[in-house]
Amino acid sequence: MPVIAFLSAVFVVTFEQLVQWQYGPSGVVGLLLLTIGIKAKSPTCSSIGAVVLALMVSGPAL
């Protein structure tokens, strides 16, 4: 069980660093809002985070 928790933590930190490197601070804010919204079961917070991430990903295409 501790190995699974450790691997999960490594994956989350790696993913967060990748988002920060690729999309900057606003991408991290979007990811943070999405994560907090999901954990707190807040549809408003998770929706705002998802919209921020969607805008960051589709920004160059617009």
N, C-alpha and C. Protein backbone atom coordinates (compact mmCIF):
# COMPACT_ATOMS: atom_id res chain seq x y z
N MET A 1 0.81 -1.20 0.00
CA MET A 1 0.00 0.00 0.00
C MET A 1 0.85 1.27 0.00
N PRO A 2 1.92 1.34 0.80
CA PRO A 2 2.75 2.55 0.77
C PRO A 2 3.41 2.78 -0.60
N VAL A 3 3.68 1.71 -1.33
CA VAL A 3 4.29 1.86 -2.65
C VAL A 3 3.30 2.54 -3.60
N ILE A 4 2.04 2.16 -3.52
CA ILE A 4 1.01 2.78 -4.37
C ILE A 4 0.85 4.26 -4.04
N ALA A 5 0.85 4.58 -2.75
CA ALA A 5 0.73 5.98 -2.34
C ALA A 5 1.94 6.78 -2.81
N PHE A 6 3.11 6.19 -2.72
CA PHE A 6 4.33 6.88 -3.16
C PHE A 6 4.31 7.11 -4.67
N LEU A 7 3.93 6.10 -5.44
CA LEU A 7 3.86 6.25 -6.88
C LEU A 7 2.81 7.26 -7.30
N SER A 8 1.70 7.29 -6.58
CA SER A 8 0.66 8.27 -6.85
C SER A 8 1.16 9.68 -6.59
N ALA A 9 1.86 9.87 -5.50
CA ALA A 9 2.40 11.19 -5.16
C ALA A 9 3.44 11.63 -6.20
N VAL A 10 4.28 10.72 -6.64
CA VAL A 10 5.27 11.05 -7.66
C VAL A 10 4.58 11.44 -8.96
N PHE A 11 3.54 10.72 -9.34
CA PHE A 11 2.80 11.03 -10.56
C PHE A 11 2.16 12.41 -10.47
N VAL A 12 1.55 12.73 -9.34
CA VAL A 12 0.88 14.02 -9.17
C VAL A 12 1.89 15.16 -9.24
N VAL A 13 3.01 15.02 -8.57
CA VAL A 13 4.03 16.07 -8.58
C VAL A 13 4.61 16.24 -9.98
N THR A 14 4.84 15.14 -10.67
CA THR A 14 5.36 15.21 -12.04
C THR A 14 4.37 15.88 -12.97
N PHE A 15 3.10 15.53 -12.84
CA PHE A 15 2.07 16.14 -13.68
C PHE A 15 1.95 17.63 -13.40
N GLU A 16 2.01 18.01 -12.13
CA GLU A 16 1.93 19.43 -11.77
C GLU A 16 3.11 20.21 -12.33
N GLN A 17 4.30 19.64 -12.27
CA GLN A 17 5.48 20.31 -12.82
C GLN A 17 5.38 20.43 -14.34
N LEU A 18 4.83 19.41 -14.99
CA LEU A 18 4.64 19.46 -16.43
C LEU A 18 3.65 20.56 -16.82
N VAL A 19 2.56 20.67 -16.08
CA VAL A 19 1.57 21.72 -16.36
C VAL A 19 2.19 23.08 -16.13
N GLN A 20 2.93 23.23 -15.05
CA GLN A 20 3.56 24.52 -14.77
C GLN A 20 4.58 24.88 -15.83
N TRP A 21 5.34 23.92 -16.31
CA TRP A 21 6.34 24.19 -17.33
C TRP A 21 5.68 24.55 -18.66
N GLN A 22 4.61 23.84 -18.99
CA GLN A 22 3.96 24.04 -20.28
C GLN A 22 3.06 25.27 -20.29
N TYR A 23 2.27 25.49 -19.24
CA TYR A 23 1.24 26.53 -19.26
C TYR A 23 1.45 27.65 -18.26
N GLY A 24 2.47 27.58 -17.46
CA GLY A 24 2.78 28.67 -16.54
C GLY A 24 1.92 28.68 -15.30
N PRO A 25 1.96 29.78 -14.57
CA PRO A 25 1.23 29.88 -13.31
C PRO A 25 -0.29 29.77 -13.47
N SER A 26 -0.83 30.28 -14.57
CA SER A 26 -2.29 30.20 -14.73
C SER A 26 -2.73 28.75 -14.94
N GLY A 27 -1.91 27.92 -15.55
CA GLY A 27 -2.22 26.51 -15.67
C GLY A 27 -2.24 25.81 -14.33
N VAL A 28 -1.31 26.20 -13.45
CA VAL A 28 -1.28 25.62 -12.11
C VAL A 28 -2.51 26.06 -11.31
N VAL A 29 -2.92 27.31 -11.47
CA VAL A 29 -4.12 27.80 -10.79
C VAL A 29 -5.35 27.02 -11.27
N GLY A 30 -5.44 26.80 -12.58
CA GLY A 30 -6.56 26.02 -13.11
C GLY A 30 -6.57 24.59 -12.59
N LEU A 31 -5.40 23.97 -12.55
CA LEU A 31 -5.30 22.61 -12.02
C LEU A 31 -5.64 22.57 -10.54
N LEU A 32 -5.20 23.56 -9.79
CA LEU A 32 -5.49 23.65 -8.37
C LEU A 32 -6.99 23.82 -8.13
N LEU A 33 -7.63 24.71 -8.88
CA LEU A 33 -9.08 24.91 -8.74
C LEU A 33 -9.86 23.64 -9.09
N LEU A 34 -9.42 22.96 -10.14
CA LEU A 34 -10.09 21.72 -10.52
C LEU A 34 -9.95 20.66 -9.44
N THR A 35 -8.75 20.52 -8.90
CA THR A 35 -8.51 19.53 -7.85
C THR A 35 -9.29 19.85 -6.58
N ILE A 36 -9.27 21.09 -6.16
CA ILE A 36 -10.00 21.49 -4.95
C ILE A 36 -11.50 21.30 -5.16
N GLY A 37 -12.00 21.66 -6.33
CA GLY A 37 -13.42 21.50 -6.61
C GLY A 37 -13.86 20.05 -6.58
N ILE A 38 -13.02 19.16 -7.11
CA ILE A 38 -13.37 17.74 -7.10
C ILE A 38 -13.34 17.19 -5.69
N LYS A 39 -12.31 17.53 -4.92
CA LYS A 39 -12.20 17.01 -3.55
C LYS A 39 -13.28 17.56 -2.63
N ALA A 40 -13.65 18.84 -2.84
CA ALA A 40 -14.66 19.46 -1.99
C ALA A 40 -16.07 19.25 -2.53
N LYS A 41 -16.17 18.56 -3.67
CA LYS A 41 -17.46 18.32 -4.32
C LYS A 41 -18.18 19.64 -4.61
N SER A 42 -17.41 20.60 -5.10
CA SER A 42 -17.93 21.91 -5.46
C SER A 42 -17.96 22.05 -6.98
N PRO A 43 -19.14 21.96 -7.58
CA PRO A 43 -19.21 22.05 -9.04
C PRO A 43 -18.74 23.40 -9.59
N THR A 44 -18.95 24.46 -8.84
CA THR A 44 -18.54 25.79 -9.31
C THR A 44 -17.02 25.88 -9.39
N CYS A 45 -16.35 25.46 -8.35
CA CYS A 45 -14.89 25.55 -8.31
C CYS A 45 -14.26 24.63 -9.37
N SER A 46 -14.76 23.42 -9.49
CA SER A 46 -14.20 22.50 -10.47
C SER A 46 -14.49 22.96 -11.90
N SER A 47 -15.65 23.58 -12.11
CA SER A 47 -15.97 24.09 -13.45
C SER A 47 -15.06 25.25 -13.83
N ILE A 48 -14.80 26.14 -12.89
CA ILE A 48 -13.89 27.26 -13.16
C ILE A 48 -12.50 26.74 -13.48
N GLY A 49 -12.03 25.76 -12.72
CA GLY A 49 -10.72 25.17 -13.00
C GLY A 49 -10.66 24.50 -14.35
N ALA A 50 -11.73 23.79 -14.72
CA ALA A 50 -11.77 23.12 -16.02
C ALA A 50 -11.79 24.14 -17.16
N VAL A 51 -12.51 25.23 -16.98
CA VAL A 51 -12.56 26.27 -18.02
C VAL A 51 -11.19 26.93 -18.18
N VAL A 52 -10.52 27.21 -17.07
CA VAL A 52 -9.19 27.82 -17.14
C VAL A 52 -8.22 26.90 -17.87
N LEU A 53 -8.26 25.60 -17.54
CA LEU A 53 -7.37 24.66 -18.22
C LEU A 53 -7.72 24.53 -19.70
N ALA A 54 -9.01 24.52 -20.01
CA ALA A 54 -9.43 24.42 -21.42
C ALA A 54 -8.97 25.65 -22.20
N LEU A 55 -9.07 26.83 -21.59
CA LEU A 55 -8.60 28.03 -22.27
C LEU A 55 -7.08 28.02 -22.46
N MET A 56 -6.38 27.48 -21.49
CA MET A 56 -4.92 27.41 -21.60
C MET A 56 -4.52 26.45 -22.72
N VAL A 57 -5.22 25.33 -22.84
CA VAL A 57 -4.87 24.34 -23.85
C VAL A 57 -5.27 24.82 -25.24
N SER A 58 -6.44 25.42 -25.36
CA SER A 58 -6.93 25.84 -26.68
C SER A 58 -6.52 27.26 -27.02
N GLY A 59 -5.84 27.95 -26.15
CA GLY A 59 -5.45 29.34 -26.40
C GLY A 59 -4.67 29.55 -27.67
N PRO A 60 -3.65 28.75 -27.95
CA PRO A 60 -2.90 28.96 -29.20
C PRO A 60 -3.74 28.69 -30.46
N ALA A 61 -4.77 27.86 -30.35
CA ALA A 61 -5.59 27.52 -31.51
C ALA A 61 -6.62 28.61 -31.80
N LEU A 62 -6.92 29.44 -30.81
CA LEU A 62 -7.94 30.45 -31.02
C LEU A 62 -7.42 31.66 -31.71
